[in-house]
Amino acid sequence: MDKILNDKLNLLTNDLKEMKKVAIAYSGGVDSNFLLKVAKDVLGENVVAITISAMMHSSREIEESVNYAKEYGVNHILCNIDNLDSQEFIENGPLRCYHCKKFVFSKIKEIASEHNIKYILDGTNLSDLDDYRPGLKALDELNIISPLKNAKLSKEEIRILSKELNVATYKKPSFSCLATRIPVGNKITKEKLRMIEEGENFLQDNNFSQYRVRVHDNIARIEVDKKEICKFYDDEMINKVNLKFKEIGFKYVTLDLSGYKMGSMN
């Protein structure tokens, strides 16, 4: 293993050892899955994974988190909440992510407190600081610890270390909450989120590796990795996607020729 990476991993493991007992906000994605694996290796039974299932989360992502936690033998708490209780989330203003994180992590803190756990961790890493993420302020206010960021681990480094440690998500595509597909100022509804989820599930089922379904009123704007745009050169694929998205409820179906770009709705 590269010395710099090894040093960062040692810094992470030492931080975890000092905390002794932790709760991890767990989505089953690349970052939180790596963090859970390392924490389990270091702290054993003194790790609890807490997954929030809400309207802005994909059912497939929740199912994967359950399966990974079971594989590690970690105590996993699945909590169902309804973000319709948060008007700031529904209104989808510029600080939607802040209000959503505050809502979700306040609930995680409650659960951790019930289990006498002082330290709540999340999977924020160094690469996240390059994007517009107002939710990070909420994490600071709630004293959530981001050990991957503190160890100065980037997304790419987390993938490399995940592969070294045989963590299955090392090549899993980046994902984010479904609300990020809706432009700021457009109200978030369960119907829109389920349409997005169904569209993205369809793209995944048809072997697209990195994708987003962005919603502009009754228009679906599909983003896929630039290397995969060529799949749409095939008439059969075009018709298949078009018919499916119309069936889901979109009136118009478009392909973004710029390809997938993280945070393109920011």
Protein backbone atom coordinates (compact mmCIF):
# COMPACT_ATOMS: atom_id res chain seq x y z
CA MET A 1 0.00 0.00 0.00
CA ASP A 2 1.20 3.53 -0.81
CA LYS A 3 2.86 5.13 2.27
CA ILE A 4 0.72 8.29 2.14
CA LEU A 5 -2.46 6.20 1.97
CA ASN A 6 -1.21 3.94 4.73
CA ASP A 7 -0.52 6.96 6.94
CA LYS A 8 -4.03 8.30 6.31
CA LEU A 9 -5.55 4.92 7.12
CA ASN A 10 -3.55 4.77 10.35
CA LEU A 11 -4.77 8.26 11.27
CA LEU A 12 -8.35 7.11 10.69
CA THR A 13 -7.97 3.95 12.76
CA ASN A 14 -6.28 5.85 15.61
CA ASP A 15 -9.14 8.37 15.69
CA LEU A 16 -11.65 5.54 15.90
CA LYS A 17 -9.71 3.83 18.70
CA GLU A 18 -9.79 7.05 20.74
CA MET A 19 -13.57 7.33 20.41
CA LYS A 20 -14.04 3.70 21.59
CA LYS A 21 -17.77 3.55 20.73
CA VAL A 22 -19.45 5.14 17.70
CA ALA A 23 -22.66 5.43 15.71
CA ILE A 24 -22.27 5.80 11.95
CA ALA A 25 -24.80 7.54 9.72
CA TYR A 26 -24.93 4.76 7.17
CA SER A 27 -26.23 4.92 3.59
CA GLY A 28 -24.38 1.90 2.19
CA GLY A 29 -22.57 4.14 -0.30
CA VAL A 30 -18.84 4.17 -1.06
CA ASP A 31 -17.84 6.42 1.86
CA SER A 32 -20.05 5.23 4.71
CA ASN A 33 -19.50 1.58 3.76
CA PHE A 34 -15.73 2.01 3.88
CA LEU A 35 -16.02 3.83 7.21
CA LEU A 36 -18.25 1.11 8.65
CA LYS A 37 -15.83 -1.64 7.57
CA VAL A 38 -12.82 0.09 9.15
CA ALA A 39 -14.78 0.94 12.32
CA LYS A 40 -15.98 -2.65 12.66
CA ASP A 41 -12.40 -3.94 12.25
CA VAL A 42 -11.13 -1.50 14.89
CA LEU A 43 -13.99 -1.35 17.41
CA GLY A 44 -15.82 -4.65 16.93
CA GLU A 45 -19.16 -4.66 18.76
CA ASN A 46 -18.82 -0.98 19.73
CA VAL A 47 -20.16 0.15 16.36
CA VAL A 48 -23.78 0.86 15.48
CA ALA A 49 -24.89 1.70 11.93
CA ILE A 50 -27.95 3.97 11.66
CA THR A 51 -29.77 4.22 8.33
CA ILE A 52 -32.54 6.73 7.76
CA SER A 53 -35.19 5.71 5.24
CA ALA A 54 -37.12 8.72 3.97
CA MET A 55 -38.95 9.91 0.87
CA MET A 56 -35.75 11.21 -0.76
CA HIS A 57 -33.94 7.87 -0.51
CA SER A 58 -33.90 5.09 -3.08
CA SER A 59 -35.34 1.78 -1.88
CA ARG A 60 -32.48 -0.05 -3.59
CA GLU A 61 -29.92 1.97 -1.64
CA ILE A 62 -31.70 1.15 1.63
CA GLU A 63 -31.80 -2.56 0.76
CA GLU A 64 -28.09 -2.52 -0.06
CA SER A 65 -27.27 -0.86 3.27
CA VAL A 66 -29.17 -3.61 5.09
CA ASN A 67 -27.28 -6.34 3.20
CA TYR A 68 -23.83 -4.80 3.72
CA ALA A 69 -24.41 -4.24 7.44
CA LYS A 70 -25.55 -7.85 7.77
CA GLU A 71 -22.41 -9.01 5.94
CA TYR A 72 -20.23 -7.15 8.47
CA GLY A 73 -22.25 -8.44 11.43
CA VAL A 74 -22.88 -4.87 12.60
CA ASN A 75 -25.79 -3.79 14.78
CA HIS A 76 -27.89 -1.95 12.20
CA ILE A 77 -30.79 0.35 13.06
CA LEU A 78 -33.18 1.27 10.24
CA CYS A 79 -35.35 4.28 11.00
CA ASN A 80 -38.27 5.32 8.78
CA ILE A 81 -39.09 9.03 8.77
CA ASP A 82 -41.24 11.27 6.57
CA ASN A 83 -39.58 14.46 5.39
CA LEU A 84 -42.96 15.94 4.59
CA ASP A 85 -42.76 17.15 8.21
CA SER A 86 -40.05 19.58 7.09
CA GLN A 87 -41.59 22.45 5.11
CA GLU A 88 -38.15 23.86 4.33
CA PHE A 89 -37.33 20.58 2.58
CA ILE A 90 -40.57 20.57 0.57
CA GLU A 91 -40.16 24.21 -0.52
CA ASN A 92 -36.69 23.30 -1.86
CA GLY A 93 -34.95 26.62 -1.33
CA PRO A 94 -31.16 27.16 -1.63
CA LEU A 95 -30.69 25.80 1.93
CA ARG A 96 -32.79 22.66 1.45
CA CYS A 97 -29.77 20.43 2.09
CA TYR A 98 -29.02 22.27 5.35
CA HIS A 99 -32.57 21.82 6.67
CA CYS A 100 -32.68 18.19 5.52
CA LYS A 101 -29.35 17.32 7.20
CA LYS A 102 -30.45 19.09 10.39
CA PHE A 103 -33.68 17.08 10.41
CA VAL A 104 -32.05 13.73 9.63
CA PHE A 105 -28.99 14.03 11.88
CA SER A 106 -31.06 15.30 14.80
CA LYS A 107 -32.97 12.02 14.55
CA ILE A 108 -29.71 10.04 14.33
CA LYS A 109 -28.44 11.85 17.45
CA GLU A 110 -31.62 10.84 19.32
CA ILE A 111 -31.11 7.19 18.38
CA ALA A 112 -27.42 7.29 19.32
CA SER A 113 -28.31 8.84 22.68
CA GLU A 114 -30.77 6.01 23.37
CA HIS A 115 -27.83 3.61 22.91
CA ASN A 116 -25.51 5.70 25.12
CA ILE A 117 -23.27 6.62 22.19
CA LYS A 118 -21.55 9.98 22.33
CA TYR A 119 -19.81 10.05 18.95
CA ILE A 120 -21.84 10.19 15.72
CA LEU A 121 -19.84 9.83 12.49
CA ASP A 122 -20.63 10.46 8.86
CA GLY A 123 -18.89 9.70 5.55
CA THR A 124 -18.03 13.24 4.44
CA ASN A 125 -14.61 13.21 2.77
CA LEU A 126 -12.12 15.73 1.41
CA SER A 127 -13.63 15.69 -2.11
CA ASP A 128 -17.02 16.81 -0.76
CA LEU A 129 -15.53 20.19 0.12
CA ASP A 130 -15.15 20.95 -3.61
CA ASP A 131 -18.93 20.98 -4.14
CA TYR A 132 -21.76 23.25 -2.92
CA ARG A 133 -22.90 21.48 0.26
CA PRO A 134 -24.84 23.71 2.68
CA GLY A 135 -25.63 20.57 4.68
CA LEU A 136 -22.08 20.56 6.06
CA LYS A 137 -23.03 23.52 8.26
CA ALA A 138 -25.75 21.42 9.91
CA LEU A 139 -23.21 18.68 10.66
CA ASP A 140 -20.96 21.22 12.37
CA GLU A 141 -23.84 22.60 14.43
CA LEU A 142 -24.78 19.11 15.61
CA ASN A 143 -21.16 18.14 16.37
CA ILE A 144 -21.15 15.30 13.85
CA ILE A 145 -17.64 13.95 13.27
CA SER A 146 -16.32 13.31 9.75
CA PRO A 147 -13.26 11.07 10.28
CA LEU A 148 -12.63 10.52 6.55
CA LYS A 149 -12.38 14.26 6.03
CA ASN A 150 -10.22 14.61 9.16
CA ALA A 151 -7.85 11.96 7.76
CA LYS A 152 -7.73 14.01 4.52
CA LEU A 153 -9.03 11.10 2.46
CA SER A 154 -10.40 11.93 -1.00
CA LYS A 155 -13.11 9.96 -2.78
CA GLU A 156 -10.57 8.32 -5.08
CA GLU A 157 -8.36 7.34 -2.13
CA ILE A 158 -11.38 5.82 -0.36
CA ARG A 159 -12.06 3.72 -3.46
CA ILE A 160 -8.41 2.55 -3.56
CA LEU A 161 -8.41 1.63 0.13
CA SER A 162 -11.81 -0.05 -0.22
CA LYS A 163 -10.38 -2.28 -2.93
CA GLU A 164 -7.36 -3.08 -0.73
CA LEU A 165 -9.69 -4.05 2.14
CA ASN A 166 -12.06 -6.06 -0.11
CA VAL A 167 -14.95 -3.64 0.43
CA ALA A 168 -17.45 -4.42 -2.35
CA THR A 169 -18.46 -0.78 -2.93
CA TYR A 170 -14.99 0.30 -4.13
CA LYS A 171 -16.33 0.75 -7.68
CA LYS A 172 -19.93 1.64 -6.83
CA PRO A 173 -21.10 4.76 -8.72
CA SER A 174 -21.54 7.99 -6.78
CA PHE A 175 -25.07 8.50 -5.52
CA SER A 176 -26.91 11.25 -3.68
CA CYS A 177 -30.40 11.87 -2.32
CA LEU A 178 -33.12 11.98 -4.98
CA ALA A 179 -34.06 15.57 -4.09
CA THR A 180 -30.86 16.77 -5.80
CA ARG A 181 -32.50 15.98 -9.16
CA ILE A 182 -35.11 18.74 -8.72
CA PRO A 183 -34.17 22.41 -9.44
CA VAL A 184 -33.98 24.78 -6.48
CA GLY A 185 -37.32 26.54 -6.01
CA ASN A 186 -39.40 23.70 -7.46
CA LYS A 187 -41.43 21.96 -4.78
CA ILE A 188 -40.46 18.43 -3.83
CA THR A 189 -43.23 15.84 -3.89
CA LYS A 190 -43.28 12.11 -3.28
CA GLU A 191 -44.61 11.64 -6.82
CA LYS A 192 -41.60 13.41 -8.39
CA LEU A 193 -39.15 11.47 -6.23
CA ARG A 194 -40.72 8.12 -7.11
CA MET A 195 -40.64 9.01 -10.85
CA ILE A 196 -36.93 9.83 -10.53
CA GLU A 197 -36.28 6.61 -8.62
CA GLU A 198 -38.10 4.46 -11.18
CA GLY A 199 -36.27 6.14 -14.07
CA GLU A 200 -32.86 5.67 -12.46
CA ASN A 201 -33.63 2.05 -11.56
CA PHE A 202 -34.44 1.48 -15.23
CA LEU A 203 -31.12 2.98 -16.34
CA GLN A 204 -29.27 0.81 -13.83
CA ASP A 205 -31.14 -2.28 -15.03
CA ASN A 206 -29.97 -1.45 -18.55
CA ASN A 207 -26.32 -1.41 -17.48
CA PHE A 208 -25.67 2.32 -17.23
CA SER A 209 -23.04 2.79 -14.53
CA GLN A 210 -23.30 6.51 -13.69
CA TYR A 211 -26.58 8.36 -14.23
CA ARG A 212 -29.02 10.97 -13.02
CA VAL A 213 -32.62 11.74 -13.97
CA ARG A 214 -33.06 15.50 -13.58
CA VAL A 215 -36.65 16.80 -13.53
CA HIS A 216 -37.76 20.05 -15.17
CA ASP A 217 -41.57 20.19 -14.80
CA ASN A 218 -42.78 17.40 -17.14
CA ILE A 219 -39.35 16.92 -18.79
CA ALA A 220 -36.84 14.23 -17.81
CA ARG A 221 -33.24 15.28 -18.53
CA ILE A 222 -31.10 12.16 -18.47
CA GLU A 223 -27.41 12.43 -17.62
CA VAL A 224 -25.12 9.45 -18.14
CA ASP A 225 -21.34 9.12 -18.15
CA LYS A 226 -19.91 10.58 -21.38
CA LYS A 227 -18.46 7.17 -22.24
CA GLU A 228 -21.99 5.73 -22.17
CA ILE A 229 -23.75 8.33 -24.33
CA CYS A 230 -22.93 6.14 -27.35
CA LYS A 231 -25.45 3.58 -26.06
CA PHE A 232 -28.13 6.00 -27.22
CA TYR A 233 -26.88 5.72 -30.81
CA ASP A 234 -28.93 2.55 -30.90
CA ASP A 235 -32.56 3.05 -32.02
CA GLU A 236 -33.75 0.17 -29.88
CA MET A 237 -32.27 1.73 -26.73
CA ILE A 238 -33.70 5.17 -27.58
CA ASN A 239 -37.19 3.74 -28.05
CA LYS A 240 -36.91 1.58 -24.94
CA VAL A 241 -35.91 4.54 -22.73
CA ASN A 242 -38.43 6.89 -24.30
CA LEU A 243 -41.35 4.48 -23.83
CA LYS A 244 -40.38 3.65 -20.26
CA PHE A 245 -40.03 7.27 -19.19
CA LYS A 246 -43.36 8.18 -20.81
CA GLU A 247 -44.90 5.25 -18.94
CA ILE A 248 -43.41 6.57 -15.69
CA GLY A 249 -45.20 9.88 -16.31
CA PHE A 250 -42.80 12.21 -18.12
CA LYS A 251 -44.18 14.05 -21.14
CA TYR A 252 -40.79 14.73 -22.73
CA VAL A 253 -37.56 12.72 -22.46
CA THR A 254 -34.20 14.35 -23.22
CA LEU A 255 -30.53 13.34 -23.10
CA ASP A 256 -27.98 15.85 -21.77
CA LEU A 257 -25.11 15.80 -24.27
CA SER A 258 -22.73 17.21 -21.64
CA GLY A 259 -22.94 13.90 -19.81
CA TYR A 260 -23.14 13.26 -16.08
CA LYS A 261 -21.81 16.03 -13.85
CA MET A 262 -21.93 15.94 -10.06
CA GLY A 263 -23.94 18.83 -8.63
CA SER A 264 -25.18 20.05 -12.01
CA MET A 265 -28.39 21.32 -10.35
CA ASN A 266 -26.46 23.48 -7.87
